[in-house]
């Protein structure tokens, strides 16, 4: 049996936002869709950042949550990504580095999915 890859576990129904979107709009989008992260993409659909619930906690602590702060002002830009072909067994525990979401990017830079620690936990618990 071959190794399981990231592609088998990743989510492909991605919720995205633009870098210039207002923080309040991004927060509403997360609440409406029930996700805990938004992928920030440019006009060509390329990954430029990631916003998580943790980022919003930090923003609210520093600002009025109804302000017009653009997403690009507080998104994570040094995003760690994985490839759909990466073997799951070779992934280090993302929570060790403080990550809960890993965008999945194909060879040409195309954003194709998201792998969360919830996905990994479900996978690992099923293997035991």
C-alpha atoms as a PDB file:
ATOM      1  CA  UNK A   1       0.000   0.000   0.000  1.00  0.00           C
ATOM      2  CA  UNK A   2       1.395   3.420  -0.977  1.00  0.00           C
ATOM      3  CA  UNK A   3       1.886   6.391   1.281  1.00  0.00           C
ATOM      4  CA  UNK A   4      -1.062   8.687   1.875  1.00  0.00           C
ATOM      5  CA  UNK A   5      -0.509  12.165   0.497  1.00  0.00           C
ATOM      6  CA  UNK A   6      -1.707  15.594   1.526  1.00  0.00           C
ATOM      7  CA  UNK A   7      -4.100  15.598  -1.430  1.00  0.00           C
ATOM      8  CA  UNK A   8      -6.109  12.775   0.160  1.00  0.00           C
ATOM      9  CA  UNK A   9      -6.707  14.788   3.360  1.00  0.00           C
ATOM     10  CA  UNK A  10      -6.913  18.396   2.214  1.00  0.00           C
ATOM     11  CA  UNK A  11     -10.080  20.434   1.876  1.00  0.00           C
ATOM     12  CA  UNK A  12     -10.702  21.925  -1.541  1.00  0.00           C
ATOM     13  CA  UNK A  13     -13.743  24.045  -0.696  1.00  0.00           C
ATOM     14  CA  UNK A  14     -11.689  27.127   0.156  1.00  0.00           C
ATOM     15  CA  UNK A  15     -13.036  30.379   1.535  1.00  0.00           C
ATOM     16  CA  UNK A  16     -10.952  33.263   0.247  1.00  0.00           C
ATOM     17  CA  UNK A  17     -10.708  37.012   0.608  1.00  0.00           C
ATOM     18  CA  UNK A  18      -8.748  39.829  -1.006  1.00  0.00           C
ATOM     19  CA  UNK A  19      -5.829  41.602   0.687  1.00  0.00           C
ATOM     20  CA  UNK A  20      -7.729  44.894   0.695  1.00  0.00           C
ATOM     21  CA  UNK A  21     -10.922  43.492   2.247  1.00  0.00           C
ATOM     22  CA  UNK A  22     -11.983  45.155   5.505  1.00  0.00           C
ATOM     23  CA  UNK A  23     -11.330  43.140   8.653  1.00  0.00           C
ATOM     24  CA  UNK A  24     -14.988  43.330   9.675  1.00  0.00           C
ATOM     25  CA  UNK A  25     -16.039  41.915   6.288  1.00  0.00           C
ATOM     26  CA  UNK A  26     -13.508  39.096   6.574  1.00  0.00           C
ATOM     27  CA  UNK A  27     -14.728  38.269  10.085  1.00  0.00           C
ATOM     28  CA  UNK A  28     -18.329  38.192   8.851  1.00  0.00           C
ATOM     29  CA  UNK A  29     -17.307  35.894   5.995  1.00  0.00           C
ATOM     30  CA  UNK A  30     -15.662  33.481   8.457  1.00  0.00           C
ATOM     31  CA  UNK A  31     -18.757  33.458  10.658  1.00  0.00           C
ATOM     32  CA  UNK A  32     -21.162  33.008   7.745  1.00  0.00           C
ATOM     33  CA  UNK A  33     -19.204  30.097   6.284  1.00  0.00           C
ATOM     34  CA  UNK A  34     -18.213  28.473   9.584  1.00  0.00           C
ATOM     35  CA  UNK A  35     -14.489  28.371   8.824  1.00  0.00           C
ATOM     36  CA  UNK A  36     -11.644  29.237  11.156  1.00  0.00           C
ATOM     37  CA  UNK A  37      -9.331  30.573   8.463  1.00  0.00           C
ATOM     38  CA  UNK A  38      -9.478  32.560   5.240  1.00  0.00           C
ATOM     39  CA  UNK A  39      -6.972  32.239   2.440  1.00  0.00           C
ATOM     40  CA  UNK A  40      -5.929  35.664   1.155  1.00  0.00           C
ATOM     41  CA  UNK A  41      -5.499  35.641  -2.628  1.00  0.00           C
ATOM     42  CA  UNK A  42      -4.557  38.251  -5.182  1.00  0.00           C
ATOM     43  CA  UNK A  43      -6.581  39.038  -8.313  1.00  0.00           C
ATOM     44  CA  UNK A  44      -5.079  36.003 -10.069  1.00  0.00           C
ATOM     45  CA  UNK A  45      -6.067  33.638  -7.253  1.00  0.00           C
ATOM     46  CA  UNK A  46      -2.489  33.301  -5.979  1.00  0.00           C
ATOM     47  CA  UNK A  47      -1.848  32.831  -2.273  1.00  0.00           C
ATOM     48  CA  UNK A  48      -0.586  36.022  -0.599  1.00  0.00           C
ATOM     49  CA  UNK A  49      -1.532  35.357   3.020  1.00  0.00           C
ATOM     50  CA  UNK A  50      -3.656  33.559   5.560  1.00  0.00           C
ATOM     51  CA  UNK A  51      -5.983  34.842   8.271  1.00  0.00           C
ATOM     52  CA  UNK A  52      -6.978  32.675  11.202  1.00  0.00           C
ATOM     53  CA  UNK A  53      -9.227  33.139  14.199  1.00  0.00           C
ATOM     54  CA  UNK A  54      -6.075  33.770  16.232  1.00  0.00           C
ATOM     55  CA  UNK A  55      -5.210  36.713  13.979  1.00  0.00           C
ATOM     56  CA  UNK A  56      -8.627  38.229  14.709  1.00  0.00           C
ATOM     57  CA  UNK A  57      -8.139  37.879  18.450  1.00  0.00           C
ATOM     58  CA  UNK A  58      -4.927  39.856  18.117  1.00  0.00           C
ATOM     59  CA  UNK A  59      -6.594  42.482  15.924  1.00  0.00           C
ATOM     60  CA  UNK A  60      -9.524  42.976  18.282  1.00  0.00           C
ATOM     61  CA  UNK A  61      -7.173  43.323  21.222  1.00  0.00           C
ATOM     62  CA  UNK A  62      -5.375  46.164  19.432  1.00  0.00           C
ATOM     63  CA  UNK A  63      -8.248  47.855  17.578  1.00  0.00           C
ATOM     64  CA  UNK A  64     -11.935  48.503  17.352  1.00  0.00           C
ATOM     65  CA  UNK A  65     -13.350  45.406  15.620  1.00  0.00           C
ATOM     66  CA  UNK A  66     -15.519  47.598  13.406  1.00  0.00           C
ATOM     67  CA  UNK A  67     -12.587  49.575  12.033  1.00  0.00           C
ATOM     68  CA  UNK A  68     -11.668  49.538   8.360  1.00  0.00           C
ATOM     69  CA  UNK A  69      -8.297  47.834   8.837  1.00  0.00           C
ATOM     70  CA  UNK A  70      -7.521  45.994   5.601  1.00  0.00           C
ATOM     71  CA  UNK A  71      -6.823  42.272   5.780  1.00  0.00           C
ATOM     72  CA  UNK A  72      -3.294  42.778   4.456  1.00  0.00           C
ATOM     73  CA  UNK A  73      -2.423  44.749   7.608  1.00  0.00           C
ATOM     74  CA  UNK A  74      -2.725  41.722   9.878  1.00  0.00           C
ATOM     75  CA  UNK A  75      -2.623  38.597   7.719  1.00  0.00           C
ATOM     76  CA  UNK A  76       0.228  36.117   8.022  1.00  0.00           C
ATOM     77  CA  UNK A  77       2.480  36.561   5.017  1.00  0.00           C
ATOM     78  CA  UNK A  78       5.209  34.015   5.726  1.00  0.00           C
ATOM     79  CA  UNK A  79       2.759  31.201   5.101  1.00  0.00           C
ATOM     80  CA  UNK A  80       4.064  27.641   5.348  1.00  0.00           C
ATOM     81  CA  UNK A  81       2.589  25.566   2.530  1.00  0.00           C
ATOM     82  CA  UNK A  82       2.584  21.919   1.508  1.00  0.00           C
ATOM     83  CA  UNK A  83       2.266  20.173  -1.840  1.00  0.00           C
ATOM     84  CA  UNK A  84      -0.625  17.833  -2.679  1.00  0.00           C
ATOM     85  CA  UNK A  85       1.980  15.126  -3.338  1.00  0.00           C
ATOM     86  CA  UNK A  86       3.730  15.439   0.045  1.00  0.00           C
ATOM     87  CA  UNK A  87       3.477  12.211   2.070  1.00  0.00           C
ATOM     88  CA  UNK A  88       1.401  12.801   5.200  1.00  0.00           C
ATOM     89  CA  UNK A  89       3.803  10.708   7.249  1.00  0.00           C
ATOM     90  CA  UNK A  90       6.620  13.169   6.495  1.00  0.00           C
ATOM     91  CA  UNK A  91       4.772  16.239   7.771  1.00  0.00           C
ATOM     92  CA  UNK A  92       6.037  17.481  11.087  1.00  0.00           C
ATOM     93  CA  UNK A  93       3.326  18.383  13.597  1.00  0.00           C
ATOM     94  CA  UNK A  94       2.235  21.867  12.458  1.00  0.00           C
ATOM     95  CA  UNK A  95       1.066  22.747  15.956  1.00  0.00           C
ATOM     96  CA  UNK A  96       4.671  22.478  17.127  1.00  0.00           C
ATOM     97  CA  UNK A  97       5.271  25.629  15.090  1.00  0.00           C
ATOM     98  CA  UNK A  98       1.976  27.289  16.016  1.00  0.00           C
ATOM     99  CA  UNK A  99       0.147  26.472  12.768  1.00  0.00           C
ATOM    100  CA  UNK A 100      -3.379  25.141  12.555  1.00  0.00           C
ATOM    101  CA  UNK A 101      -3.774  25.452   8.776  1.00  0.00           C
ATOM    102  CA  UNK A 102      -1.427  24.616   5.908  1.00  0.00           C
ATOM    103  CA  UNK A 103      -2.430  25.860   2.445  1.00  0.00           C
ATOM    104  CA  UNK A 104      -1.829  23.263  -0.275  1.00  0.00           C
ATOM    105  CA  UNK A 105      -0.093  24.723  -3.325  1.00  0.00           C
ATOM    106  CA  UNK A 106       0.568  22.847  -6.591  1.00  0.00           C
ATOM    107  CA  UNK A 107       3.866  22.984  -8.474  1.00  0.00           C
ATOM    108  CA  UNK A 108       2.901  26.053 -10.529  1.00  0.00           C
ATOM    109  CA  UNK A 109       1.928  28.013  -7.427  1.00  0.00           C
ATOM    110  CA  UNK A 110      -1.797  27.305  -7.801  1.00  0.00           C
ATOM    111  CA  UNK A 111      -3.709  27.156  -4.529  1.00  0.00           C
ATOM    112  CA  UNK A 112      -5.537  23.803  -4.547  1.00  0.00           C
ATOM    113  CA  UNK A 113      -6.575  23.092  -0.966  1.00  0.00           C
ATOM    114  CA  UNK A 114      -6.131  23.448   2.773  1.00  0.00           C
ATOM    115  CA  UNK A 115      -4.871  20.945   5.313  1.00  0.00           C
ATOM    116  CA  UNK A 116      -5.863  21.610   8.924  1.00  0.00           C
ATOM    117  CA  UNK A 117      -4.700  20.066  12.150  1.00  0.00           C
ATOM    118  CA  UNK A 118      -8.253  18.718  12.434  1.00  0.00           C
ATOM    119  CA  UNK A 119      -7.720  16.837   9.149  1.00  0.00           C
ATOM    120  CA  UNK A 120      -4.411  15.443  10.427  1.00  0.00           C
ATOM    121  CA  UNK A 121      -5.861  14.433  13.787  1.00  0.00           C
ATOM    122  CA  UNK A 122      -8.746  12.594  12.132  1.00  0.00           C
ATOM    123  CA  UNK A 123      -6.321  10.817   9.821  1.00  0.00           C
ATOM    124  CA  UNK A 124      -3.935   9.806  12.586  1.00  0.00           C
ATOM    125  CA  UNK A 125      -6.708   8.613  14.902  1.00  0.00           C
ATOM    126  CA  UNK A 126      -8.075   6.461  12.079  1.00  0.00           C
ATOM    127  CA  UNK A 127      -4.693   4.831  11.590  1.00  0.00           C
ATOM    128  CA  UNK A 128      -4.422   3.730  15.202  1.00  0.00           C
END
